Protein backbone atom coordinates (compact mmCIF):
# COMPACT_ATOMS: atom_id res chain seq x y z
CA UNK A 1 -4.69 -10.87 3.81
CA UNK A 2 -0.89 -10.98 3.98
CA UNK A 3 1.75 -9.27 1.83
CA UNK A 4 1.99 -12.21 -0.57
CA UNK A 5 -1.78 -12.15 -1.13
CA UNK A 6 -1.72 -8.36 -1.48
CA UNK A 7 0.96 -8.51 -4.18
CA UNK A 8 -1.11 -11.07 -6.08
CA UNK A 9 -4.29 -9.00 -5.67
CA UNK A 10 -2.62 -5.81 -6.93
CA UNK A 11 -1.17 -7.64 -9.92
CA UNK A 12 -4.58 -9.14 -10.77
CA UNK A 13 -6.13 -5.67 -10.60
CA UNK A 14 -3.42 -4.21 -12.85
CA UNK A 15 -2.05 -1.76 -10.29
CA UNK A 16 1.24 -0.45 -11.72
CA UNK A 17 4.19 -1.44 -9.55
CA UNK A 18 5.49 2.13 -9.89
CA UNK A 19 2.77 3.19 -7.42
CA UNK A 20 3.78 1.00 -4.48
CA UNK A 21 6.53 -0.84 -2.63
CA UNK A 22 5.85 -3.73 -0.26
CA UNK A 23 8.67 -4.58 2.11
CA UNK A 24 10.72 -1.43 2.20
CA UNK A 25 10.66 2.12 0.96
CA UNK A 26 10.98 3.61 -2.50
CA UNK A 27 10.83 7.26 -3.53
CA UNK A 28 7.42 8.57 -4.69
CA UNK A 29 5.50 5.40 -3.82
CA UNK A 30 3.02 4.21 -1.23
CA UNK A 31 5.08 1.84 0.89
CA UNK A 32 4.49 -0.83 3.49
CA UNK A 33 7.26 -2.06 5.73
CA UNK A 34 7.63 -4.21 8.83
CA UNK A 35 8.60 -2.27 11.96
CA UNK A 36 9.62 -3.18 15.51
CA UNK A 37 6.01 -2.95 16.69
CA UNK A 38 4.13 -4.22 13.64
CA UNK A 39 3.65 -2.66 10.20
CA UNK A 40 3.75 0.84 8.74
CA UNK A 41 2.12 2.23 5.59
CA UNK A 42 3.35 5.58 4.30
CA UNK A 43 4.25 7.69 1.28
CA UNK A 44 7.99 7.98 0.69
CA UNK A 45 8.98 11.44 -0.60
CA UNK A 46 12.73 11.72 -1.17
CA UNK A 47 14.06 11.13 2.37
CA UNK A 48 10.83 11.73 4.30
CA UNK A 49 8.04 9.33 5.20
CA UNK A 50 4.74 11.18 4.93
CA UNK A 51 1.46 10.15 6.55
CA UNK A 52 2.83 7.18 8.44
CA UNK A 53 0.08 4.85 9.64
CA UNK A 54 1.14 2.13 12.10
CA UNK A 55 -0.63 -1.21 12.46
CA UNK A 56 -0.13 -4.03 14.95
CA UNK A 57 -0.90 -6.75 12.41
CA UNK A 58 -0.10 -7.47 8.80
CA UNK A 59 -3.73 -7.93 7.73
CA UNK A 60 -4.75 -4.43 8.86
CA UNK A 61 -1.77 -2.87 7.09
CA UNK A 62 -2.55 -4.77 3.89
CA UNK A 63 -6.20 -3.71 3.96
CA UNK A 64 -5.25 -0.06 4.48
CA UNK A 65 -2.67 -0.14 1.69
CA UNK A 66 -5.13 -1.82 -0.68
CA UNK A 67 -7.74 0.86 0.07
CA UNK A 68 -5.21 3.68 -0.45
CA UNK A 69 -4.10 2.22 -3.78
CA UNK A 70 -7.73 1.81 -4.85
CA UNK A 71 -8.30 5.54 -4.23
CA UNK A 72 -5.10 6.44 -6.06
CA UNK A 73 -6.02 4.29 -9.07
CA UNK A 74 -9.40 6.02 -9.23
CA UNK A 75 -7.81 9.49 -9.09
CA UNK A 76 -5.05 8.78 -11.60
CA UNK A 77 -6.71 6.46 -14.08
CA UNK A 78 -10.45 6.56 -13.38
CA UNK A 79 -10.30 2.83 -12.60
CA UNK A 80 -11.22 1.16 -9.36
CA UNK A 81 -12.50 -1.99 -7.76
CA UNK A 82 -15.13 -2.35 -5.06
CA UNK A 83 -14.04 -1.24 -1.60
CA UNK A 84 -13.68 -4.05 0.94
CA UNK A 85 -16.41 -4.31 3.51
């Protein structure tokens, strides 16, 4: 999965865009951004990046972000989709 496919997947599964940012950082969202060494997924809180997870490839970062958003959707709205295997 790449970022384009992830965006499409999240839209199809009705994940509010206010929960995430792909390709940059945005306050109070789960974010994914390209870095010098690969990809990073993190929560942006004001000026700080919290819980930064680094990945060497885009597919791994997308899978992790999708799984984190699935958990968040379940906690916030009681809605989820099957976890990837």
